[in-house]
Amino acid sequence: MTWRPGRTDVVLVLASVLPAWAALAAHLEVEAKPPDAFAFALVTVVGLPMLFARRAPVPALALSIALLFGYYWTGYPAIGLALPLAPALFTVAEAGRVRLGAVVGGSGLALSTIFRLLGGERDVDPGVIIGYDGALSLALLAAVLALGDAVRSRRGWQAELDQRLRLAEQEREAEAQRRVADERLRIARDVHDQLGHAVAIVTLHAAVAAEALDDDREAARRSLETIRTVSRDVLHHLGDTVGLLRGDAATSAEPAAGMADLADLVAATASTGLDVRLEVRGVERPLPAAVEATVHRLVQESLTNVLRHAHARSATVTLEHGAADLTVTVADDGAGDPGTGAAGHGLQGMRERVALLGGRLAVGNRHARGFAVTAVLPLTAERVGAQP
């Protein structure tokens, strides 16, 4: 890639050359060789390293000093030291080499002062050379170095601020994506639990209605009524879910089902012909809403699995209230799991719900016969992780 100097590089050259041209035109040293076109050309050459000073500040400074002392060797009038070198020292400080710039600038100023004291300006008062010219040049060099370091610090601070803003934006984006993923997962669990339980109830009652249609019309009627009720409820829940996904502000936000709804859940399951019992042990007390909703979903999904897969005659739902935990167990007397453990979205959803609360879930075959799901849920506020 071909390098071409930019506007800033040209400005640095002019900042080095123009003050030197002005000093040369003033011809402050009458005893020196009169300035001519070649002298102005030499001064221009002294400033040319500024064309690449931003890319290589230290070599540009070294070359500028060499060219400047080469100019003085020709015997032309003095053009100063601080002004021609100021742009080079600025780029060195801007590159983070302030100490190097201070050493080089101070050494050059010291050599220049000694040359003036021992050279052709012996008739000038040393106090003027050291106290006035030297102090003024030193102040100018210090100001240039400080300005370069301040520009570097500001750019570094701005770069750090931009980086922090980018990281903050990335974190906000990641958090938004995480929230969306969590909400999608929550909706998927709810839809699975509601539809799975409703389909199981409808399927079993449809079978009961088909068998009783000729012999027991009342039983068939009750089964069909149950199918209608369950279908209406699940359609209502699906409507709410679709409204939530579409961002419908008018969608009703009904409270999540909790412990008080377990009796109805057990009764609805028992209406299919499965012998279901609800046992409560320990001292009951108010529970966090997240725990109550999780208990309802666990029992609902467990009973759905019993209806669909267990081929069981009976099931027991046990709630055991402990000092700091609530143990929920759903056990049946069915065929159990012939494999290594039932897998699917239902059990996966139960594990996720329990994990959100910081609890433990165990599933597997019973020692005698059947299958059991046991969840231990913490009740202390600091251990309850999140809403299911």
Protein backbone atom coordinates (compact mmCIF):
# COMPACT_ATOMS: atom_id res chain seq x y z
CA MET A 1 0.00 0.00 0.00
CA THR A 2 1.48 3.37 -1.07
CA TRP A 3 1.82 5.91 1.73
CA ARG A 4 0.85 9.50 1.07
CA PRO A 5 1.18 12.39 3.52
CA GLY A 6 -2.06 13.81 4.79
CA ARG A 7 -3.16 17.31 5.72
CA THR A 8 -1.97 16.86 9.29
CA ASP A 9 1.51 15.92 8.08
CA VAL A 10 1.68 19.03 5.90
CA VAL A 11 0.55 21.16 8.86
CA LEU A 12 3.36 19.71 10.98
CA VAL A 13 5.91 20.59 8.27
CA LEU A 14 4.62 24.16 8.07
CA ALA A 15 4.63 24.44 11.87
CA SER A 16 8.32 23.59 11.79
CA VAL A 17 9.34 25.58 8.72
CA LEU A 18 7.37 28.85 8.95
CA PRO A 19 8.76 30.04 12.33
CA ALA A 20 12.25 29.16 11.14
CA TRP A 21 11.71 31.11 7.91
CA ALA A 22 10.55 34.12 9.95
CA ALA A 23 13.66 33.95 12.15
CA LEU A 24 15.86 33.56 9.07
CA ALA A 25 14.23 36.53 7.34
CA ALA A 26 14.74 38.68 10.45
CA HIS A 27 18.51 38.02 10.26
CA LEU A 28 18.99 38.53 13.99
CA GLU A 29 22.71 37.66 13.83
CA VAL A 30 24.33 40.34 11.72
CA GLU A 31 27.73 38.66 11.99
CA ALA A 32 26.40 35.44 10.44
CA LYS A 33 26.32 34.62 6.72
CA PRO A 34 23.48 36.56 5.04
CA PRO A 35 20.47 34.39 4.33
CA ASP A 36 19.84 33.42 0.73
CA ALA A 37 17.62 31.04 -1.20
CA PHE A 38 19.83 28.11 -0.24
CA ALA A 39 19.40 28.97 3.45
CA PHE A 40 15.62 28.94 3.09
CA ALA A 41 15.88 25.60 1.26
CA LEU A 42 17.97 24.17 4.11
CA VAL A 43 15.37 25.31 6.64
CA THR A 44 12.70 23.58 4.56
CA VAL A 45 14.73 20.37 4.60
CA VAL A 46 14.92 20.58 8.41
CA GLY A 47 11.11 20.42 8.53
CA LEU A 48 10.63 17.63 5.97
CA PRO A 49 10.91 14.75 8.52
CA MET A 50 7.54 15.93 9.86
CA LEU A 51 5.94 14.31 6.83
CA PHE A 52 6.38 10.90 8.46
CA ALA A 53 6.58 12.01 12.11
CA ARG A 54 3.15 10.52 12.98
CA ARG A 55 4.18 7.13 11.58
CA ALA A 56 7.70 7.09 13.06
CA PRO A 57 7.99 9.88 15.65
CA VAL A 58 11.36 8.93 17.18
CA PRO A 59 13.27 8.57 13.87
CA ALA A 60 11.67 11.81 12.66
CA LEU A 61 12.86 13.62 15.80
CA ALA A 62 16.39 12.25 15.46
CA LEU A 63 16.57 13.23 11.79
CA SER A 64 15.23 16.73 12.53
CA ILE A 65 17.91 17.29 15.17
CA ALA A 66 20.63 16.09 12.82
CA LEU A 67 19.41 18.32 10.01
CA LEU A 68 19.06 21.29 12.37
CA PHE A 69 22.64 21.01 13.64
CA GLY A 70 23.73 20.49 10.03
CA TYR A 71 22.09 23.80 9.18
CA TYR A 72 23.93 25.56 12.00
CA TRP A 73 27.22 24.07 10.70
CA THR A 74 26.75 26.08 7.46
CA GLY A 75 27.06 29.38 9.35
CA TYR A 76 23.69 30.83 8.43
CA PRO A 77 21.78 32.93 11.03
CA ALA A 78 20.25 31.14 14.02
CA ILE A 79 16.66 30.00 13.68
CA GLY A 80 16.27 28.78 17.25
CA LEU A 81 15.91 25.25 18.57
CA ALA A 82 12.53 24.97 20.29
CA LEU A 83 10.40 26.24 17.40
CA PRO A 84 11.81 24.01 14.61
CA LEU A 85 11.72 20.93 16.88
CA ALA A 86 8.35 21.64 18.50
CA PRO A 87 6.28 19.56 16.02
CA ALA A 88 8.70 16.62 16.30
CA LEU A 89 8.61 16.74 20.10
CA PHE A 90 4.82 16.97 20.00
CA THR A 91 4.51 13.78 17.92
CA VAL A 92 6.96 11.96 20.22
CA ALA A 93 4.93 12.93 23.30
CA GLU A 94 1.70 12.05 21.54
CA ALA A 95 3.15 8.59 20.87
CA GLY A 96 3.73 8.10 24.61
CA ARG A 97 7.49 8.81 24.63
CA VAL A 98 7.41 11.91 26.84
CA ARG A 99 10.58 11.04 28.75
CA LEU A 100 12.51 10.48 25.55
CA GLY A 101 11.26 13.78 24.18
CA ALA A 102 12.25 15.58 27.39
CA VAL A 103 15.75 14.08 27.37
CA VAL A 104 16.34 14.82 23.69
CA GLY A 105 14.88 18.31 23.85
CA GLY A 106 16.72 19.18 27.06
CA SER A 107 20.02 17.83 25.74
CA GLY A 108 19.65 19.74 22.50
CA LEU A 109 18.83 22.92 24.37
CA ALA A 110 21.84 22.45 26.65
CA LEU A 111 24.21 21.87 23.71
CA SER A 112 22.80 24.89 21.92
CA THR A 113 23.29 27.07 24.99
CA ILE A 114 26.89 25.87 25.47
CA PHE A 115 27.62 26.49 21.78
CA ARG A 116 26.28 30.04 22.05
CA LEU A 117 28.32 30.72 25.20
CA LEU A 118 31.56 29.34 23.74
CA GLY A 119 30.97 30.23 20.12
CA GLY A 120 30.18 33.33 18.21
CA GLU A 121 28.01 35.04 20.83
CA ARG A 122 30.66 35.66 23.49
CA ASP A 123 29.84 39.38 23.46
CA VAL A 124 26.23 38.61 24.56
CA ASP A 125 25.51 38.65 28.28
CA PRO A 126 25.46 35.02 29.52
CA GLY A 127 22.54 35.93 31.75
CA VAL A 128 20.47 36.77 28.67
CA ILE A 129 21.42 33.52 26.96
CA ILE A 130 20.70 31.34 29.98
CA GLY A 131 18.11 33.30 31.93
CA TYR A 132 15.98 34.60 29.09
CA ASP A 133 16.50 32.64 25.86
CA GLY A 134 17.19 29.36 27.66
CA ALA A 135 14.25 29.68 30.05
CA LEU A 136 11.89 30.70 27.23
CA SER A 137 12.98 27.78 25.04
CA LEU A 138 12.72 25.37 27.97
CA ALA A 139 9.20 26.58 28.76
CA LEU A 140 8.20 26.17 25.11
CA LEU A 141 9.60 22.61 24.97
CA ALA A 142 7.81 21.69 28.20
CA ALA A 143 4.53 23.13 26.89
CA VAL A 144 4.85 21.20 23.62
CA LEU A 145 5.58 17.94 25.45
CA ALA A 146 2.69 18.53 27.87
CA LEU A 147 0.33 19.27 24.98
CA GLY A 148 1.33 16.08 23.16
CA ASP A 149 0.90 13.99 26.29
CA ALA A 150 -2.49 15.60 26.99
CA VAL A 151 -3.68 14.80 23.45
CA ARG A 152 -2.51 11.19 23.86
CA SER A 153 -4.25 10.88 27.23
CA ARG A 154 -7.46 12.34 25.86
CA ARG A 155 -7.44 9.99 22.90
CA GLY A 156 -6.75 7.05 25.19
CA TRP A 157 -9.57 8.11 27.50
CA GLN A 158 -11.91 8.53 24.53
CA ALA A 159 -10.92 5.12 23.17
CA GLU A 160 -11.51 3.53 26.56
CA LEU A 161 -14.87 5.29 26.85
CA ASP A 162 -15.86 4.08 23.38
CA GLN A 163 -14.79 0.55 24.30
CA ARG A 164 -16.86 0.67 27.48
CA LEU A 165 -19.85 1.95 25.54
CA ARG A 166 -19.46 -0.88 23.02
CA LEU A 167 -19.17 -3.44 25.80
CA ALA A 168 -22.20 -1.97 27.55
CA GLU A 169 -24.18 -2.12 24.32
CA GLN A 170 -23.09 -5.72 23.76
CA GLU A 171 -24.07 -6.59 27.33
CA ARG A 172 -27.48 -4.94 26.88
CA GLU A 173 -27.98 -6.83 23.63
CA ALA A 174 -26.92 -10.11 25.25
CA GLU A 175 -29.22 -9.46 28.22
CA ALA A 176 -32.12 -8.68 25.87
CA GLN A 177 -31.48 -11.89 23.93
CA ARG A 178 -31.24 -13.84 27.17
CA ARG A 179 -34.55 -12.43 28.37
CA VAL A 180 -36.18 -13.27 25.04
CA ALA A 181 -34.79 -16.81 25.21
CA ASP A 182 -35.98 -17.22 28.80
CA GLU A 183 -39.44 -15.96 27.90
CA ARG A 184 -39.64 -18.27 24.90
CA LEU A 185 -38.59 -21.18 27.10
CA ARG A 186 -41.18 -20.26 29.73
CA ILE A 187 -43.93 -20.04 27.12
CA ALA A 188 -42.82 -23.36 25.61
CA ARG A 189 -43.04 -25.03 29.02
CA ASP A 190 -46.46 -23.57 29.73
CA VAL A 191 -47.87 -24.51 26.34
CA HIS A 192 -46.47 -28.03 26.64
CA ASP A 193 -47.88 -28.51 30.13
CA GLN A 194 -51.31 -27.08 29.34
CA LEU A 195 -51.74 -28.82 26.00
CA GLY A 196 -50.25 -32.09 27.18
CA HIS A 197 -52.54 -32.33 30.18
CA ALA A 198 -55.61 -31.21 28.20
CA VAL A 199 -54.95 -33.68 25.37
CA ALA A 200 -54.48 -36.52 27.85
CA ILE A 201 -57.76 -35.68 29.59
CA VAL A 202 -59.64 -35.28 26.31
CA THR A 203 -58.23 -38.53 24.89
CA LEU A 204 -59.21 -40.60 27.91
CA HIS A 205 -62.67 -39.06 28.20
CA ALA A 206 -63.23 -39.57 24.49
CA ALA A 207 -62.45 -43.26 25.00
CA VAL A 208 -64.82 -43.40 27.98
CA ALA A 209 -67.56 -41.68 26.00
CA ALA A 210 -67.10 -44.05 23.07
CA GLU A 211 -67.40 -47.11 25.33
CA ALA A 212 -70.36 -45.78 27.33
CA LEU A 213 -72.29 -44.31 24.43
CA ASP A 214 -74.57 -47.37 24.08
CA ASP A 215 -74.70 -48.70 27.66
CA ASP A 216 -74.38 -45.62 29.86
CA ARG A 217 -75.44 -42.45 28.14
CA GLU A 218 -75.08 -40.42 31.37
CA ALA A 219 -71.42 -41.39 31.69
CA ALA A 220 -70.91 -40.55 28.03
CA ARG A 221 -72.58 -37.20 28.58
CA ARG A 222 -70.33 -36.41 31.56
CA SER A 223 -67.23 -37.32 29.55
CA LEU A 224 -68.30 -35.13 26.66
CA GLU A 225 -69.01 -32.27 29.07
CA THR A 226 -65.53 -32.68 30.51
CA ILE A 227 -64.06 -32.65 27.00
CA ARG A 228 -65.92 -29.44 26.23
CA THR A 229 -64.80 -27.77 29.47
CA VAL A 230 -61.17 -28.78 29.07
CA SER A 231 -61.16 -27.74 25.40
CA ARG A 232 -62.66 -24.35 26.25
CA ASP A 233 -60.07 -23.75 28.97
CA VAL A 234 -57.12 -24.72 26.81
CA LEU A 235 -58.36 -22.55 23.94
CA HIS A 236 -58.61 -19.65 26.38
CA HIS A 237 -55.03 -20.22 27.54
CA LEU A 238 -53.82 -20.51 23.96
CA GLY A 239 -55.53 -17.23 23.12
CA ASP A 240 -53.74 -15.53 25.99
CA THR A 241 -50.42 -17.01 24.87
CA VAL A 242 -50.88 -15.88 21.27
CA GLY A 243 -51.85 -12.40 22.48
CA LEU A 244 -48.72 -12.28 24.62
CA LEU A 245 -46.52 -13.30 21.69
CA ARG A 246 -48.15 -10.70 19.46
CA GLY A 247 -47.68 -8.00 22.09
CA ASP A 248 -51.40 -7.44 22.56
CA ALA A 249 -51.80 -5.03 25.47
CA ALA A 250 -55.39 -6.13 25.93
CA THR A 251 -54.39 -9.70 26.73
CA SER A 252 -55.52 -10.59 30.23
CA ALA A 253 -52.80 -11.57 32.66
CA GLU A 254 -54.38 -14.19 34.86
CA PRO A 255 -52.49 -15.28 37.98
CA ALA A 256 -50.61 -18.55 37.63
CA ALA A 257 -52.27 -21.66 39.02
CA GLY A 258 -51.04 -22.57 42.50
CA MET A 259 -51.51 -24.90 45.44
CA ALA A 260 -55.19 -24.07 45.77
CA ASP A 261 -55.83 -25.48 42.30
CA LEU A 262 -54.27 -28.88 43.03
CA ALA A 263 -57.55 -30.35 44.27
CA ASP A 264 -59.28 -29.43 40.99
CA LEU A 265 -56.32 -30.81 39.05
CA VAL A 266 -56.48 -34.11 40.94
CA ALA A 267 -60.26 -34.28 40.51
CA ALA A 268 -60.01 -33.65 36.76
CA THR A 269 -57.43 -36.41 36.47
CA ALA A 270 -59.52 -38.77 38.59
CA SER A 271 -62.48 -38.19 36.30
CA THR A 272 -60.64 -40.21 33.65
CA GLY A 273 -60.89 -43.31 35.82
CA LEU A 274 -57.46 -43.14 37.42
CA ASP A 275 -57.50 -43.47 41.21
CA VAL A 276 -55.65 -40.31 42.31
CA ARG A 277 -55.12 -39.26 45.92
CA LEU A 278 -53.70 -36.01 47.32
CA GLU A 279 -51.83 -36.26 50.64
CA VAL A 280 -50.52 -33.28 52.58
CA ARG A 281 -48.04 -33.73 55.41
CA GLY A 282 -46.51 -31.25 57.80
CA VAL A 283 -47.65 -27.78 58.76
CA GLU A 284 -48.99 -25.81 55.80
CA ARG A 285 -48.01 -22.16 55.50
CA PRO A 286 -48.05 -19.45 52.83
CA LEU A 287 -45.56 -20.17 50.05
CA PRO A 288 -43.85 -17.94 47.49
CA ALA A 289 -45.85 -17.56 44.30
CA ALA A 290 -43.00 -19.05 42.26
CA VAL A 291 -43.01 -22.18 44.40
CA GLU A 292 -46.79 -22.59 44.19
CA ALA A 293 -46.80 -22.23 40.40
CA THR A 294 -43.93 -24.69 40.06
CA VAL A 295 -45.67 -27.25 42.29
CA HIS A 296 -48.83 -27.03 40.16
CA ARG A 297 -46.87 -27.48 36.92
CA LEU A 298 -44.89 -30.42 38.34
CA VAL A 299 -48.02 -32.23 39.49
CA GLN A 300 -49.83 -31.43 36.23
CA GLU A 301 -47.02 -32.77 34.04
CA SER A 302 -46.46 -35.82 36.25
CA LEU A 303 -50.14 -36.77 36.16
CA THR A 304 -50.20 -36.22 32.41
CA ASN A 305 -47.32 -38.66 32.03
CA VAL A 306 -49.17 -41.16 34.23
CA LEU A 307 -52.24 -40.93 32.03
CA ARG A 308 -50.32 -41.19 28.78
CA HIS A 309 -47.53 -43.66 29.52
CA ALA A 310 -47.82 -45.47 32.85
CA HIS A 311 -50.82 -47.75 32.27
CA ALA A 312 -51.42 -47.29 36.00
CA ARG A 313 -54.51 -47.90 38.10
CA SER A 314 -53.65 -45.41 40.84
CA ALA A 315 -51.38 -42.49 41.62
CA THR A 316 -50.57 -40.53 44.75
CA VAL A 317 -49.62 -36.88 44.99
CA THR A 318 -47.78 -36.12 48.24
CA LEU A 319 -46.87 -32.68 49.55
CA GLU A 320 -44.54 -32.72 52.53
CA HIS A 321 -43.95 -29.36 54.21
CA GLY A 322 -40.54 -29.21 55.88
CA ALA A 323 -38.82 -26.49 57.87
CA ALA A 324 -37.06 -25.00 54.83
CA ASP A 325 -38.18 -27.20 51.92
CA LEU A 326 -41.28 -28.52 50.26
CA THR A 327 -41.08 -32.07 48.89
CA VAL A 328 -43.47 -32.93 46.06
CA THR A 329 -43.86 -36.57 45.03
CA VAL A 330 -46.07 -38.05 42.32
CA ALA A 331 -45.93 -41.86 42.35
CA ASP A 332 -47.94 -44.42 40.37
CA ASP A 333 -48.28 -48.21 40.26
CA GLY A 334 -47.89 -48.50 36.51
CA ALA A 335 -45.36 -50.22 34.29
CA GLY A 336 -42.53 -47.81 35.07
CA ASP A 337 -39.81 -46.83 32.67
CA PRO A 338 -38.32 -49.80 30.82
CA GLY A 339 -35.33 -47.77 29.62
CA THR A 340 -32.76 -45.62 31.38
CA GLY A 341 -35.23 -42.93 32.31
CA ALA A 342 -38.05 -41.22 30.51
CA ALA A 343 -36.84 -38.36 28.36
CA GLY A 344 -38.73 -35.60 26.60
CA HIS A 345 -39.85 -32.03 26.79
CA GLY A 346 -42.02 -32.70 29.83
CA LEU A 347 -39.26 -33.97 32.11
CA GLN A 348 -36.87 -31.42 30.69
CA GLY A 349 -39.34 -28.65 31.52
CA MET A 350 -39.72 -30.00 35.07
CA ARG A 351 -35.96 -30.01 35.56
CA GLU A 352 -35.74 -26.43 34.31
CA ARG A 353 -38.51 -25.24 36.61
CA VAL A 354 -36.95 -26.89 39.64
CA ALA A 355 -33.48 -25.58 38.75
CA LEU A 356 -34.83 -22.02 38.55
CA LEU A 357 -35.83 -22.30 42.21
CA GLY A 358 -32.55 -23.86 43.26
CA GLY A 359 -34.22 -27.21 44.02
CA ARG A 360 -33.56 -30.86 43.19
CA LEU A 361 -35.52 -33.26 40.97
CA ALA A 362 -35.33 -37.06 41.00
CA VAL A 363 -37.21 -39.34 38.59
CA GLY A 364 -37.11 -43.10 38.22
CA ASN A 365 -38.75 -46.46 38.81
CA ARG A 366 -40.02 -47.37 42.25
CA HIS A 367 -38.64 -50.42 44.08
CA ALA A 368 -41.96 -52.25 44.05
CA ARG A 369 -43.81 -51.15 40.94
CA GLY A 370 -44.42 -47.98 39.01
CA PHE A 371 -42.66 -44.66 38.52
CA ALA A 372 -42.05 -41.69 40.83
CA VAL A 373 -41.18 -38.02 40.39
CA THR A 374 -39.79 -36.26 43.47
CA ALA A 375 -38.91 -32.57 43.69
CA VAL A 376 -37.42 -30.80 46.69
CA LEU A 377 -38.08 -27.05 46.51
CA PRO A 378 -36.52 -24.47 48.84
CA LEU A 379 -38.89 -22.14 50.66
CA THR A 380 -36.54 -19.45 51.98
CA ALA A 381 -36.72 -16.23 49.98
CA GLU A 382 -32.97 -16.02 49.33
CA ARG A 383 -32.92 -19.51 47.78
CA VAL A 384 -35.92 -19.12 45.49
CA GLY A 385 -34.25 -18.30 42.20
CA ALA A 386 -36.85 -16.93 39.79
CA GLN A 387 -40.35 -17.12 38.50
CA PRO A 388 -41.08 -20.34 36.60
